[in-house]
Amino acid sequence: MSRLGADMSGDPRPEFRAELRERLMNAAEEDLPPEPVAADVPDVPRRARRRTALVPQLVSLALAGALVAGGVGTYRSMPGDALYPLKRAAESTLFHLSTDDAERADRSFGYAETRAHEVEELLGATKRESGLIDETLKDMEDTTRSAVTSLTRVERRSGRSTGQLKRFVQKQRNQIEIMLPKMDEEDRRRANGYLDYIDGLTQPDSRPVTRD
């Protein structure tokens, strides 16, 4: 017994400790739940995600650019062009949205000057469509008559003249007289008739009387 006690005294042997530690670690690993498996989600590169996010913005910019280009094309269109009716429709809409006769007169004078520029462009074109110059001259006269009617109402109510009509007549005469040699006989006849009409507007008591 004394020998047995002597042999059992002291700490466990290092070999025993190592073997016990290994068994405990193995048992612990066997009791652990299995590691979750990551879902099979495709790895989308960051550059691809950015490219996808930019698509709606690029589409919006393209649409905005198309609208601007269409607006510019409409504004620069000439008689006979596909977009010209849209240009005239826009002018008519703005005219009817005017709040008073003074604004209507301003717009109409501006449109009459636009028609004069269109006639000038048509005369300089290499190929002319028959009747466009005569039609544009007629539209110019109709627009001028509308402007004069609106301006007459304004002057009758305000009791004063701004000189706007006189400046308009001088500008139109200078521009149209230069174009006369380029016109054929029929267009020249209409243009001279228009010049006679606007010259009479600057004479005293020569403007038409309108009734509200």
N, C-alpha and C. Protein backbone atom coordinates (compact mmCIF):
# COMPACT_ATOMS: atom_id res chain seq x y z
N MET A 1 0.83 -1.20 0.00
CA MET A 1 0.00 0.00 0.00
C MET A 1 0.86 1.25 0.00
N SER A 2 1.97 1.11 0.77
CA SER A 2 2.85 2.29 0.80
C SER A 2 3.46 2.56 -0.58
N ARG A 3 3.80 1.50 -1.32
CA ARG A 3 4.33 1.69 -2.66
C ARG A 3 3.29 2.24 -3.62
N LEU A 4 2.01 1.70 -3.43
CA LEU A 4 0.91 2.19 -4.30
C LEU A 4 0.66 3.65 -4.05
N GLY A 5 0.67 4.04 -2.78
CA GLY A 5 0.45 5.46 -2.49
C GLY A 5 1.53 6.32 -3.06
N ALA A 6 2.75 5.80 -2.99
CA ALA A 6 3.86 6.58 -3.56
C ALA A 6 3.72 6.74 -5.07
N ASP A 7 3.25 5.67 -5.71
CA ASP A 7 3.09 5.75 -7.18
C ASP A 7 1.94 6.67 -7.58
N MET A 8 0.85 6.79 -6.75
CA MET A 8 -0.34 7.58 -7.11
C MET A 8 -0.19 9.04 -6.72
N SER A 9 0.84 9.35 -6.01
CA SER A 9 0.98 10.75 -5.60
C SER A 9 1.46 11.59 -6.78
N GLY A 10 1.24 12.93 -6.69
CA GLY A 10 1.71 13.86 -7.76
C GLY A 10 0.67 14.10 -8.84
N ASP A 11 1.03 14.93 -9.85
CA ASP A 11 0.14 15.29 -10.96
C ASP A 11 0.10 14.20 -11.99
N PRO A 12 -0.98 14.21 -12.89
CA PRO A 12 -1.05 13.23 -13.98
C PRO A 12 0.13 13.41 -14.92
N ARG A 13 0.47 12.35 -15.60
CA ARG A 13 1.59 12.38 -16.51
C ARG A 13 1.29 13.27 -17.73
N PRO A 14 2.26 13.86 -18.31
CA PRO A 14 2.05 14.72 -19.49
C PRO A 14 1.40 13.97 -20.64
N GLU A 15 1.76 12.72 -20.85
CA GLU A 15 1.16 11.94 -21.92
C GLU A 15 -0.33 11.80 -21.72
N PHE A 16 -0.73 11.59 -20.45
CA PHE A 16 -2.16 11.44 -20.15
C PHE A 16 -2.91 12.73 -20.42
N ARG A 17 -2.28 13.82 -20.05
CA ARG A 17 -2.93 15.13 -20.30
C ARG A 17 -3.11 15.39 -21.81
N ALA A 18 -2.12 15.09 -22.56
CA ALA A 18 -2.20 15.32 -23.99
C ALA A 18 -3.26 14.46 -24.64
N GLU A 19 -3.29 13.17 -24.21
CA GLU A 19 -4.30 12.27 -24.78
C GLU A 19 -5.70 12.70 -24.39
N LEU A 20 -5.89 13.14 -23.12
CA LEU A 20 -7.21 13.59 -22.66
C LEU A 20 -7.66 14.84 -23.41
N ARG A 21 -6.72 15.77 -23.64
CA ARG A 21 -7.07 17.01 -24.35
C ARG A 21 -7.50 16.71 -25.78
N GLU A 22 -6.82 15.78 -26.42
CA GLU A 22 -7.16 15.42 -27.80
C GLU A 22 -8.53 14.80 -27.88
N ARG A 23 -8.86 13.92 -26.91
CA ARG A 23 -10.19 13.29 -26.91
C ARG A 23 -11.30 14.32 -26.69
N LEU A 24 -11.06 15.24 -25.76
CA LEU A 24 -12.08 16.26 -25.51
C LEU A 24 -12.30 17.16 -26.72
N MET A 25 -11.25 17.53 -27.40
CA MET A 25 -11.39 18.38 -28.59
C MET A 25 -12.14 17.67 -29.70
N ASN A 26 -11.86 16.37 -29.87
CA ASN A 26 -12.58 15.60 -30.89
C ASN A 26 -14.05 15.48 -30.57
N ALA A 27 -14.35 15.29 -29.29
CA ALA A 27 -15.76 15.17 -28.88
C ALA A 27 -16.49 16.49 -29.09
N ALA A 28 -15.82 17.59 -28.80
CA ALA A 28 -16.46 18.90 -28.99
C ALA A 28 -16.74 19.18 -30.46
N GLU A 29 -15.80 18.81 -31.33
CA GLU A 29 -16.02 19.04 -32.75
C GLU A 29 -17.15 18.19 -33.30
N GLU A 30 -17.32 16.98 -32.75
CA GLU A 30 -18.41 16.12 -33.20
C GLU A 30 -19.77 16.64 -32.77
N ASP A 31 -19.82 17.36 -31.63
CA ASP A 31 -21.10 17.89 -31.14
C ASP A 31 -21.48 19.21 -31.79
N LEU A 32 -20.56 19.90 -32.46
CA LEU A 32 -20.89 21.19 -33.08
C LEU A 32 -21.84 21.00 -34.25
N PRO A 33 -22.81 21.95 -34.44
CA PRO A 33 -23.71 21.86 -35.60
C PRO A 33 -22.93 22.11 -36.88
N PRO A 34 -23.39 21.58 -37.97
CA PRO A 34 -22.68 21.79 -39.25
C PRO A 34 -22.68 23.25 -39.67
N GLU A 35 -21.62 23.70 -40.29
CA GLU A 35 -21.51 25.08 -40.75
C GLU A 35 -22.51 25.33 -41.88
N PRO A 36 -23.20 26.51 -41.83
CA PRO A 36 -24.15 26.82 -42.91
C PRO A 36 -23.44 26.99 -44.24
N VAL A 37 -24.11 26.50 -45.27
CA VAL A 37 -23.56 26.61 -46.62
C VAL A 37 -24.07 27.89 -47.25
N ALA A 38 -23.19 28.69 -47.76
CA ALA A 38 -23.60 29.96 -48.37
C ALA A 38 -24.47 29.71 -49.58
N ALA A 39 -25.49 30.57 -49.71
CA ALA A 39 -26.41 30.44 -50.84
C ALA A 39 -25.67 30.68 -52.14
N ASP A 40 -26.12 30.00 -53.14
CA ASP A 40 -25.47 30.09 -54.45
C ASP A 40 -25.97 31.33 -55.17
N VAL A 41 -25.49 32.51 -54.71
CA VAL A 41 -25.90 33.79 -55.30
C VAL A 41 -24.81 34.24 -56.25
N PRO A 42 -25.16 34.56 -57.45
CA PRO A 42 -24.13 34.99 -58.39
C PRO A 42 -23.48 36.28 -57.92
N ASP A 43 -22.21 36.35 -58.04
CA ASP A 43 -21.46 37.52 -57.62
C ASP A 43 -21.48 38.55 -58.75
N VAL A 44 -22.34 39.61 -58.58
CA VAL A 44 -22.46 40.65 -59.60
C VAL A 44 -21.35 41.67 -59.39
N PRO A 45 -20.53 41.88 -60.36
CA PRO A 45 -19.45 42.86 -60.20
C PRO A 45 -20.00 44.25 -59.93
N ARG A 46 -19.26 45.03 -59.16
CA ARG A 46 -19.70 46.39 -58.82
C ARG A 46 -19.84 47.25 -60.06
N ARG A 47 -18.95 47.07 -61.03
CA ARG A 47 -19.03 47.86 -62.26
C ARG A 47 -20.30 47.57 -63.03
N ALA A 48 -20.72 46.30 -63.03
CA ALA A 48 -21.95 45.94 -63.73
C ALA A 48 -23.16 46.56 -63.05
N ARG A 49 -23.14 46.60 -61.70
CA ARG A 49 -24.27 47.21 -60.98
C ARG A 49 -24.36 48.70 -61.28
N ARG A 50 -23.22 49.36 -61.34
CA ARG A 50 -23.23 50.79 -61.67
C ARG A 50 -23.76 51.02 -63.07
N ARG A 51 -23.34 50.15 -63.98
CA ARG A 51 -23.80 50.30 -65.37
C ARG A 51 -25.31 50.14 -65.47
N THR A 52 -25.86 49.18 -64.70
CA THR A 52 -27.30 48.98 -64.71
C THR A 52 -28.04 50.18 -64.12
N ALA A 53 -27.47 50.78 -63.06
CA ALA A 53 -28.11 51.93 -62.44
C ALA A 53 -28.08 53.16 -63.35
N LEU A 54 -27.11 53.25 -64.25
CA LEU A 54 -26.99 54.40 -65.14
C LEU A 54 -27.94 54.34 -66.34
N VAL A 55 -28.48 53.17 -66.61
CA VAL A 55 -29.34 53.02 -67.80
C VAL A 55 -30.54 53.96 -67.76
N PRO A 56 -31.34 54.03 -66.66
CA PRO A 56 -32.48 54.96 -66.65
C PRO A 56 -32.06 56.42 -66.84
N GLN A 57 -30.93 56.81 -66.26
CA GLN A 57 -30.47 58.17 -66.42
C GLN A 57 -30.10 58.47 -67.87
N LEU A 58 -29.44 57.52 -68.50
CA LEU A 58 -29.07 57.72 -69.91
C LEU A 58 -30.30 57.81 -70.80
N VAL A 59 -31.30 57.00 -70.50
CA VAL A 59 -32.55 57.05 -71.28
C VAL A 59 -33.23 58.40 -71.11
N SER A 60 -33.26 58.92 -69.87
CA SER A 60 -33.87 60.22 -69.62
C SER A 60 -33.13 61.33 -70.35
N LEU A 61 -31.80 61.28 -70.32
CA LEU A 61 -31.02 62.28 -71.04
C LEU A 61 -31.25 62.20 -72.54
N ALA A 62 -31.38 60.99 -73.06
CA ALA A 62 -31.62 60.83 -74.50
C ALA A 62 -32.97 61.41 -74.89
N LEU A 63 -33.99 61.16 -74.06
CA LEU A 63 -35.31 61.71 -74.34
C LEU A 63 -35.31 63.23 -74.27
N ALA A 64 -34.63 63.77 -73.25
CA ALA A 64 -34.55 65.23 -73.14
C ALA A 64 -33.84 65.83 -74.34
N GLY A 65 -32.75 65.18 -74.77
CA GLY A 65 -32.04 65.67 -75.94
C GLY A 65 -32.89 65.63 -77.20
N ALA A 66 -33.69 64.57 -77.32
CA ALA A 66 -34.56 64.46 -78.50
C ALA A 66 -35.61 65.56 -78.50
N LEU A 67 -36.15 65.87 -77.31
CA LEU A 67 -37.15 66.94 -77.22
C LEU A 67 -36.55 68.29 -77.58
N VAL A 68 -35.34 68.55 -77.07
CA VAL A 68 -34.69 69.82 -77.39
C VAL A 68 -34.39 69.92 -78.88
N ALA A 69 -33.87 68.83 -79.44
CA ALA A 69 -33.57 68.82 -80.87
C ALA A 69 -34.84 69.02 -81.70
N GLY A 70 -35.93 68.38 -81.27
CA GLY A 70 -37.19 68.55 -81.98
C GLY A 70 -37.69 69.98 -81.90
N GLY A 71 -37.53 70.60 -80.72
CA GLY A 71 -37.95 71.99 -80.57
C GLY A 71 -37.15 72.94 -81.44
N VAL A 72 -35.84 72.72 -81.48
CA VAL A 72 -34.99 73.56 -82.32
C VAL A 72 -35.32 73.36 -83.80
N GLY A 73 -35.54 72.09 -84.17
CA GLY A 73 -35.90 71.82 -85.56
C GLY A 73 -37.21 72.46 -85.96
N THR A 74 -38.17 72.44 -85.02
CA THR A 74 -39.47 73.08 -85.29
C THR A 74 -39.31 74.58 -85.45
N TYR A 75 -38.53 75.18 -84.56
CA TYR A 75 -38.33 76.64 -84.61
C TYR A 75 -37.66 77.07 -85.91
N ARG A 76 -36.73 76.25 -86.42
CA ARG A 76 -35.99 76.61 -87.63
C ARG A 76 -36.64 76.11 -88.90
N SER A 77 -37.77 75.45 -88.79
CA SER A 77 -38.41 74.90 -89.99
C SER A 77 -38.90 76.01 -90.91
N MET A 78 -39.00 75.67 -92.19
CA MET A 78 -39.41 76.62 -93.22
C MET A 78 -40.68 76.12 -93.89
N PRO A 79 -41.41 77.01 -94.58
CA PRO A 79 -42.59 76.56 -95.32
C PRO A 79 -42.24 75.40 -96.25
N GLY A 80 -43.04 74.36 -96.19
CA GLY A 80 -42.79 73.16 -96.98
C GLY A 80 -42.12 72.06 -96.18
N ASP A 81 -41.53 72.38 -95.02
CA ASP A 81 -40.90 71.36 -94.18
C ASP A 81 -41.96 70.59 -93.40
N ALA A 82 -41.59 69.38 -92.98
CA ALA A 82 -42.54 68.54 -92.26
C ALA A 82 -42.91 69.13 -90.90
N LEU A 83 -41.97 69.83 -90.25
CA LEU A 83 -42.22 70.38 -88.93
C LEU A 83 -42.84 71.78 -88.96
N TYR A 84 -43.00 72.36 -90.13
CA TYR A 84 -43.50 73.73 -90.22
C TYR A 84 -44.92 73.88 -89.65
N PRO A 85 -45.84 72.96 -89.90
CA PRO A 85 -47.17 73.10 -89.28
C PRO A 85 -47.11 73.16 -87.75
N LEU A 86 -46.16 72.44 -87.15
CA LEU A 86 -46.01 72.51 -85.69
C LEU A 86 -45.55 73.90 -85.26
N LYS A 87 -44.69 74.49 -86.05
CA LYS A 87 -44.23 75.85 -85.76
C LYS A 87 -45.39 76.83 -85.78
N ARG A 88 -46.23 76.75 -86.80
CA ARG A 88 -47.37 77.66 -86.89
C ARG A 88 -48.40 77.38 -85.80
N ALA A 89 -48.57 76.11 -85.45
CA ALA A 89 -49.49 75.77 -84.37
C ALA A 89 -49.00 76.33 -83.04
N ALA A 90 -47.69 76.28 -82.80
CA ALA A 90 -47.13 76.84 -81.57
C ALA A 90 -47.34 78.35 -81.53
N GLU A 91 -47.15 79.03 -82.66
CA GLU A 91 -47.38 80.47 -82.72
C GLU A 91 -48.84 80.81 -82.41
N SER A 92 -49.75 80.05 -82.99
CA SER A 92 -51.17 80.29 -82.75
C SER A 92 -51.53 80.07 -81.28
N THR A 93 -50.95 79.04 -80.68
CA THR A 93 -51.23 78.76 -79.27
C THR A 93 -50.74 79.90 -78.39
N LEU A 94 -49.53 80.37 -78.63
CA LEU A 94 -48.99 81.48 -77.83
C LEU A 94 -49.80 82.75 -78.02
N PHE A 95 -50.27 82.97 -79.25
CA PHE A 95 -51.09 84.16 -79.51
C PHE A 95 -52.38 84.12 -78.70
N HIS A 96 -53.04 82.98 -78.69
CA HIS A 96 -54.31 82.88 -77.97
C HIS A 96 -54.12 82.82 -76.45
N LEU A 97 -52.90 82.52 -76.01
CA LEU A 97 -52.62 82.54 -74.57
C LEU A 97 -52.22 83.93 -74.08
N SER A 98 -52.09 84.89 -75.00
CA SER A 98 -51.73 86.25 -74.61
C SER A 98 -52.80 86.84 -73.70
N THR A 99 -52.37 87.62 -72.74
CA THR A 99 -53.30 88.12 -71.72
C THR A 99 -54.02 89.39 -72.13
N ASP A 100 -53.45 90.17 -73.06
CA ASP A 100 -54.09 91.43 -73.46
C ASP A 100 -53.72 91.76 -74.90
N ASP A 101 -54.32 92.86 -75.39
CA ASP A 101 -54.09 93.26 -76.78
C ASP A 101 -52.66 93.72 -77.03
N ALA A 102 -52.02 94.31 -76.03
CA ALA A 102 -50.64 94.75 -76.21
C ALA A 102 -49.73 93.56 -76.47
N GLU A 103 -49.92 92.49 -75.72
CA GLU A 103 -49.11 91.30 -75.92
C GLU A 103 -49.42 90.64 -77.25
N ARG A 104 -50.70 90.64 -77.63
CA ARG A 104 -51.07 90.07 -78.93
C ARG A 104 -50.43 90.86 -80.08
N ALA A 105 -50.40 92.18 -79.94
CA ALA A 105 -49.78 93.00 -80.98
C ALA A 105 -48.29 92.70 -81.09
N ASP A 106 -47.62 92.60 -79.95
CA ASP A 106 -46.18 92.29 -79.97
C ASP A 106 -45.92 90.95 -80.66
N ARG A 107 -46.71 89.95 -80.30
CA ARG A 107 -46.51 88.62 -80.90
C ARG A 107 -46.78 88.65 -82.41
N SER A 108 -47.83 89.32 -82.80
CA SER A 108 -48.20 89.35 -84.22
C SER A 108 -47.14 90.08 -85.05
N PHE A 109 -46.62 91.19 -84.53
CA PHE A 109 -45.55 91.87 -85.24
C PHE A 109 -44.32 90.96 -85.38
N GLY A 110 -44.03 90.23 -84.32
CA GLY A 110 -42.90 89.29 -84.38
C GLY A 110 -43.12 88.19 -85.39
N TYR A 111 -44.34 87.67 -85.46
CA TYR A 111 -44.65 86.62 -86.43
C TYR A 111 -44.59 87.15 -87.86
N ALA A 112 -45.03 88.40 -88.07
CA ALA A 112 -44.95 88.99 -89.41
C ALA A 112 -43.49 89.15 -89.84
N GLU A 113 -42.62 89.52 -88.93
CA GLU A 113 -41.21 89.61 -89.25
C GLU A 113 -40.62 88.23 -89.56
N THR A 114 -41.11 87.22 -88.84
CA THR A 114 -40.66 85.84 -89.12
C THR A 114 -41.06 85.42 -90.52
N ARG A 115 -42.30 85.77 -90.93
CA ARG A 115 -42.73 85.43 -92.29
C ARG A 115 -41.84 86.12 -93.34
N ALA A 116 -41.44 87.35 -93.05
CA ALA A 116 -40.55 88.06 -94.00
C ALA A 116 -39.21 87.34 -94.12
N HIS A 117 -38.67 86.88 -93.00
CA HIS A 117 -37.41 86.13 -93.04
C HIS A 117 -37.59 84.81 -93.81
N GLU A 118 -38.74 84.20 -93.66
CA GLU A 118 -39.01 82.95 -94.38
C GLU A 118 -39.07 83.19 -95.88
N VAL A 119 -39.68 84.29 -96.29
CA VAL A 119 -39.71 84.63 -97.71
C VAL A 119 -38.29 84.82 -98.23
N GLU A 120 -37.47 85.49 -97.45
CA GLU A 120 -36.08 85.71 -97.86
C GLU A 120 -35.33 84.39 -98.01
N GLU A 121 -35.56 83.46 -97.09
CA GLU A 121 -34.91 82.15 -97.18
C GLU A 121 -35.41 81.36 -98.39
N LEU A 122 -36.71 81.45 -98.65
CA LEU A 122 -37.26 80.74 -99.80
C LEU A 122 -36.70 81.28 -101.11
N LEU A 123 -36.53 82.60 -101.19
CA LEU A 123 -35.98 83.20 -102.40
C LEU A 123 -34.53 82.79 -102.63
N GLY A 124 -33.81 82.51 -101.55
CA GLY A 124 -32.41 82.11 -101.68
C GLY A 124 -32.21 80.62 -101.86
N ALA A 125 -33.30 79.84 -101.77
CA ALA A 125 -33.18 78.39 -101.90
C ALA A 125 -32.93 78.02 -103.37
N THR A 126 -32.18 76.95 -103.55
CA THR A 126 -31.90 76.50 -104.92
C THR A 126 -33.13 75.89 -105.59
N LYS A 127 -33.94 75.23 -104.77
CA LYS A 127 -35.17 74.64 -105.29
C LYS A 127 -36.36 75.23 -104.56
N ARG A 128 -37.27 75.79 -105.32
CA ARG A 128 -38.44 76.42 -104.71
C ARG A 128 -39.69 75.59 -105.03
N GLU A 129 -40.47 75.39 -104.00
CA GLU A 129 -41.75 74.71 -104.22
C GLU A 129 -42.76 75.76 -104.66
N SER A 130 -43.49 75.46 -105.70
CA SER A 130 -44.41 76.43 -106.29
C SER A 130 -45.47 76.88 -105.29
N GLY A 131 -45.65 78.20 -105.22
CA GLY A 131 -46.71 78.76 -104.38
C GLY A 131 -46.32 79.07 -102.96
N LEU A 132 -45.16 78.61 -102.48
CA LEU A 132 -44.81 78.82 -101.07
C LEU A 132 -44.53 80.29 -100.77
N ILE A 133 -43.88 80.99 -101.70
CA ILE A 133 -43.57 82.39 -101.46
C ILE A 133 -44.85 83.22 -101.40
N ASP A 134 -45.74 83.00 -102.35
CA ASP A 134 -47.01 83.73 -102.38
C ASP A 134 -47.83 83.45 -101.12
N GLU A 135 -47.84 82.20 -100.69
CA GLU A 135 -48.59 81.83 -99.49
C GLU A 135 -47.98 82.47 -98.24
N THR A 136 -46.66 82.50 -98.17
CA THR A 136 -46.01 83.10 -97.01
C THR A 136 -46.22 84.61 -96.98
N LEU A 137 -46.20 85.25 -98.14
CA LEU A 137 -46.49 86.68 -98.21
C LEU A 137 -47.91 86.98 -97.73
N LYS A 138 -48.84 86.13 -98.12
CA LYS A 138 -50.22 86.32 -97.67
C LYS A 138 -50.34 86.15 -96.15
N ASP A 139 -49.65 85.14 -95.61
CA ASP A 139 -49.66 84.95 -94.16
C ASP A 139 -49.05 86.15 -93.44
N MET A 140 -48.00 86.73 -94.04
CA MET A 140 -47.37 87.90 -93.45
C MET A 140 -48.34 89.08 -93.39
N GLU A 141 -49.09 89.27 -94.45
CA GLU A 141 -50.05 90.38 -94.46
C GLU A 141 -51.18 90.13 -93.46
N ASP A 142 -51.68 88.91 -93.40
CA ASP A 142 -52.76 88.60 -92.45
C ASP A 142 -52.29 88.82 -91.01
N THR A 143 -51.05 88.41 -90.72
CA THR A 143 -50.52 88.58 -89.37
C THR A 143 -50.34 90.06 -89.04
N THR A 144 -49.89 90.85 -90.01
CA THR A 144 -49.73 92.29 -89.79
C THR A 144 -51.07 92.95 -89.52
N ARG A 145 -52.09 92.57 -90.27
CA ARG A 145 -53.43 93.12 -90.02
C ARG A 145 -53.91 92.79 -88.61
N SER A 146 -53.63 91.58 -88.16
CA SER A 146 -54.02 91.20 -86.80
C SER A 146 -53.28 92.04 -85.77
N ALA A 147 -51.99 92.29 -86.01
CA ALA A 147 -51.21 93.11 -85.09
C ALA A 147 -51.73 94.54 -85.04
N VAL A 148 -52.06 95.09 -86.20
CA VAL A 148 -52.57 96.46 -86.26
C VAL A 148 -53.90 96.57 -85.52
N THR A 149 -54.74 95.58 -85.68
CA THR A 149 -56.03 95.60 -84.99
C THR A 149 -55.84 95.61 -83.47
N SER A 150 -54.95 94.75 -82.98
CA SER A 150 -54.69 94.71 -81.53
C SER A 150 -54.06 96.01 -81.05
N LEU A 151 -53.12 96.55 -81.83
CA LEU A 151 -52.46 97.79 -81.42
C LEU A 151 -53.43 98.96 -81.42
N THR A 152 -54.37 98.99 -82.35
CA THR A 152 -55.36 100.06 -82.39
C THR A 152 -56.21 100.06 -81.13
N ARG A 153 -56.60 98.88 -80.65
CA ARG A 153 -57.37 98.79 -79.41
C ARG A 153 -56.56 99.34 -78.23
N VAL A 154 -55.28 99.00 -78.21
CA VAL A 154 -54.43 99.46 -77.11
C VAL A 154 -54.32 100.97 -77.11
N GLU A 155 -54.08 101.57 -78.27
CA GLU A 155 -53.90 103.02 -78.36
C GLU A 155 -55.21 103.76 -78.06
N ARG A 156 -56.33 103.19 -78.44
CA ARG A 156 -57.60 103.85 -78.17
C ARG A 156 -57.89 103.87 -76.67
N ARG A 157 -57.48 102.82 -75.96
CA ARG A 157 -57.73 102.78 -74.52
C ARG A 157 -56.70 103.61 -73.75
N SER A 158 -55.45 103.58 -74.20
CA SER A 158 -54.40 104.27 -73.45
C SER A 158 -54.27 105.74 -73.82
N GLY A 159 -54.70 106.09 -75.05
CA GLY A 159 -54.63 107.48 -75.49
C GLY A 159 -53.24 107.93 -75.91
N ARG A 160 -52.29 107.01 -76.10
CA ARG A 160 -50.95 107.39 -76.54
C ARG A 160 -50.39 106.35 -77.52
N SER A 161 -49.51 106.80 -78.40
CA SER A 161 -48.89 105.92 -79.38
C SER A 161 -47.45 105.65 -78.98
N THR A 162 -47.02 104.41 -79.11
CA THR A 162 -45.66 104.04 -78.72
C THR A 162 -44.67 104.12 -79.87
N GLY A 163 -45.13 104.33 -81.06
CA GLY A 163 -44.24 104.35 -82.20
C GLY A 163 -43.86 102.96 -82.68
N GLN A 164 -44.44 101.94 -82.08
CA GLN A 164 -44.11 100.56 -82.45
C GLN A 164 -44.46 100.28 -83.90
N LEU A 165 -45.62 100.76 -84.34
CA LEU A 165 -46.07 100.50 -85.71
C LEU A 165 -45.12 101.15 -86.72
N LYS A 166 -44.69 102.37 -86.45
CA LYS A 166 -43.81 103.07 -87.38
C LYS A 166 -42.48 102.33 -87.54
N ARG A 167 -41.94 101.86 -86.44
CA ARG A 167 -40.68 101.12 -86.52
C ARG A 167 -40.85 99.81 -87.27
N PHE A 168 -41.99 99.16 -87.05
CA PHE A 168 -42.25 97.90 -87.74
C PHE A 168 -42.35 98.13 -89.25
N VAL A 169 -43.09 99.17 -89.66
CA VAL A 169 -43.28 99.45 -91.08
C VAL A 169 -41.95 99.73 -91.75
N GLN A 170 -41.10 100.51 -91.10
CA GLN A 170 -39.80 100.84 -91.70
C GLN A 170 -38.94 99.59 -91.86
N LYS A 171 -38.94 98.73 -90.87
CA LYS A 171 -38.14 97.51 -90.94
C LYS A 171 -38.64 96.58 -92.02
N GLN A 172 -39.96 96.41 -92.11
CA GLN A 172 -40.54 95.54 -93.13
C GLN A 172 -40.26 96.07 -94.54
N ARG A 173 -40.41 97.38 -94.70
CA ARG A 173 -40.18 97.96 -96.03
C ARG A 173 -38.74 97.75 -96.47
N ASN A 174 -37.79 98.00 -95.59
CA ASN A 174 -36.38 97.83 -95.95
C ASN A 174 -36.07 96.39 -96.35
N GLN A 175 -36.65 95.46 -95.64
CA GLN A 175 -36.36 94.06 -95.92
C GLN A 175 -37.02 93.58 -97.20
N ILE A 176 -38.25 93.97 -97.43
CA ILE A 176 -38.99 93.46 -98.58
C ILE A 176 -38.51 94.11 -99.88
N GLU A 177 -38.15 95.37 -99.84
CA GLU A 177 -37.69 96.04 -101.06
C GLU A 177 -36.44 95.37 -101.61
N ILE A 178 -35.60 94.87 -100.75
CA ILE A 178 -34.39 94.18 -101.21
C ILE A 178 -34.74 92.87 -101.92
N MET A 179 -35.85 92.26 -101.52
CA MET A 179 -36.23 90.96 -102.09
C MET A 179 -36.99 91.07 -103.39
N LEU A 180 -37.53 92.25 -103.70
CA LEU A 180 -38.39 92.39 -104.88
C LEU A 180 -37.72 91.92 -106.18
N PRO A 181 -36.46 92.26 -106.46
CA PRO A 181 -35.87 91.81 -107.74
C PRO A 181 -35.78 90.29 -107.87
N LYS A 182 -35.78 89.56 -106.76
CA LYS A 182 -35.67 88.11 -106.82
C LYS A 182 -37.02 87.41 -107.02
N MET A 183 -38.11 88.17 -106.93
CA MET A 183 -39.44 87.58 -107.03
C MET A 183 -39.91 87.52 -108.47
N ASP A 184 -40.81 86.58 -108.73
CA ASP A 184 -41.44 86.57 -110.04
C ASP A 184 -42.56 87.61 -110.06
N GLU A 185 -43.22 87.73 -111.19
CA GLU A 185 -44.20 88.81 -111.36
C GLU A 185 -45.35 88.70 -110.37
N GLU A 186 -45.86 87.51 -110.14
CA GLU A 186 -47.00 87.35 -109.25
C GLU A 186 -46.63 87.64 -107.81
N ASP A 187 -45.47 87.14 -107.37
CA ASP A 187 -45.04 87.40 -106.00
C ASP A 187 -44.71 88.87 -105.81
N ARG A 188 -44.14 89.49 -106.82
CA ARG A 188 -43.81 90.92 -106.72
C ARG A 188 -45.09 91.75 -106.60
N ARG A 189 -46.12 91.35 -107.31
CA ARG A 189 -47.38 92.09 -107.23
C ARG A 189 -47.95 92.03 -105.81
N ARG A 190 -47.92 90.84 -105.20
CA ARG A 190 -48.44 90.72 -103.84
C ARG A 190 -47.57 91.50 -102.85
N ALA A 191 -46.25 91.44 -103.03
CA ALA A 191 -45.35 92.14 -102.12
C ALA A 191 -45.55 93.65 -102.21
N ASN A 192 -45.72 94.17 -103.42
CA ASN A 192 -45.97 95.61 -103.56
C ASN A 192 -47.30 96.02 -102.95
N GLY A 193 -48.29 95.16 -103.07
CA GLY A 193 -49.56 95.44 -102.42
C GLY A 193 -49.41 95.49 -100.91
N TYR A 194 -48.58 94.63 -100.36
CA TYR A 194 -48.34 94.65 -98.92
C TYR A 194 -47.62 95.92 -98.50
N LEU A 195 -46.64 96.35 -99.31
CA LEU A 195 -45.92 97.59 -99.00
C LEU A 195 -46.86 98.79 -99.03
N ASP A 196 -47.77 98.82 -99.99
CA ASP A 196 -48.75 99.91 -100.05
C ASP A 196 -49.62 99.90 -98.79
N TYR A 197 -49.97 98.71 -98.35
CA TYR A 197 -50.82 98.61 -97.15
C TYR A 197 -50.09 99.14 -95.92
N ILE A 198 -48.84 98.71 -95.68
CA ILE A 198 -48.17 99.14 -94.46
C ILE A 198 -47.76 100.62 -94.54
N ASP A 199 -47.50 101.13 -95.75
CA ASP A 199 -47.21 102.56 -95.87
C ASP A 199 -48.41 103.39 -95.44
N GLY A 200 -49.60 102.91 -95.79
CA GLY A 200 -50.80 103.65 -95.42
C GLY A 200 -51.06 103.63 -93.92
N LEU A 201 -50.48 102.68 -93.21
CA LEU A 201 -50.71 102.59 -91.77
C LEU A 201 -50.06 103.73 -91.01
N THR A 202 -49.00 104.31 -91.56
CA THR A 202 -48.30 105.37 -90.86
C THR A 202 -48.86 106.76 -91.17
N GLN A 203 -49.84 106.81 -92.08
CA GLN A 203 -50.47 108.09 -92.40
C GLN A 203 -51.51 108.43 -91.33
N PRO A 204 -51.73 109.72 -91.07
CA PRO A 204 -52.72 110.11 -90.05
C PRO A 204 -54.11 109.58 -90.39
N ASP A 205 -54.77 109.04 -89.38
CA ASP A 205 -56.15 108.56 -89.50
C ASP A 205 -56.31 107.52 -90.60
N SER A 206 -55.26 106.75 -90.85
CA SER A 206 -55.36 105.76 -91.91
C SER A 206 -55.54 104.36 -91.38
N ARG A 207 -55.37 104.18 -90.06
CA ARG A 207 -55.48 102.83 -89.51
C ARG A 207 -56.93 102.44 -89.35
N PRO A 208 -57.21 101.17 -89.50
CA PRO A 208 -58.59 100.72 -89.46
C PRO A 208 -59.20 100.91 -88.07
N VAL A 209 -60.46 101.20 -88.07
CA VAL A 209 -61.21 101.34 -86.82
C VAL A 209 -61.82 100.00 -86.50
N THR A 210 -61.58 99.52 -85.30
CA THR A 210 -62.12 98.22 -84.88
C THR A 210 -63.21 98.42 -83.86
N ARG A 211 -64.10 97.50 -83.81
CA ARG A 211 -65.19 97.53 -82.87
C ARG A 211 -65.06 96.38 -81.90
N ASP A 212 -65.06 96.68 -80.61
CA ASP A 212 -64.96 95.65 -79.59
C ASP A 212 -66.28 94.89 -79.49
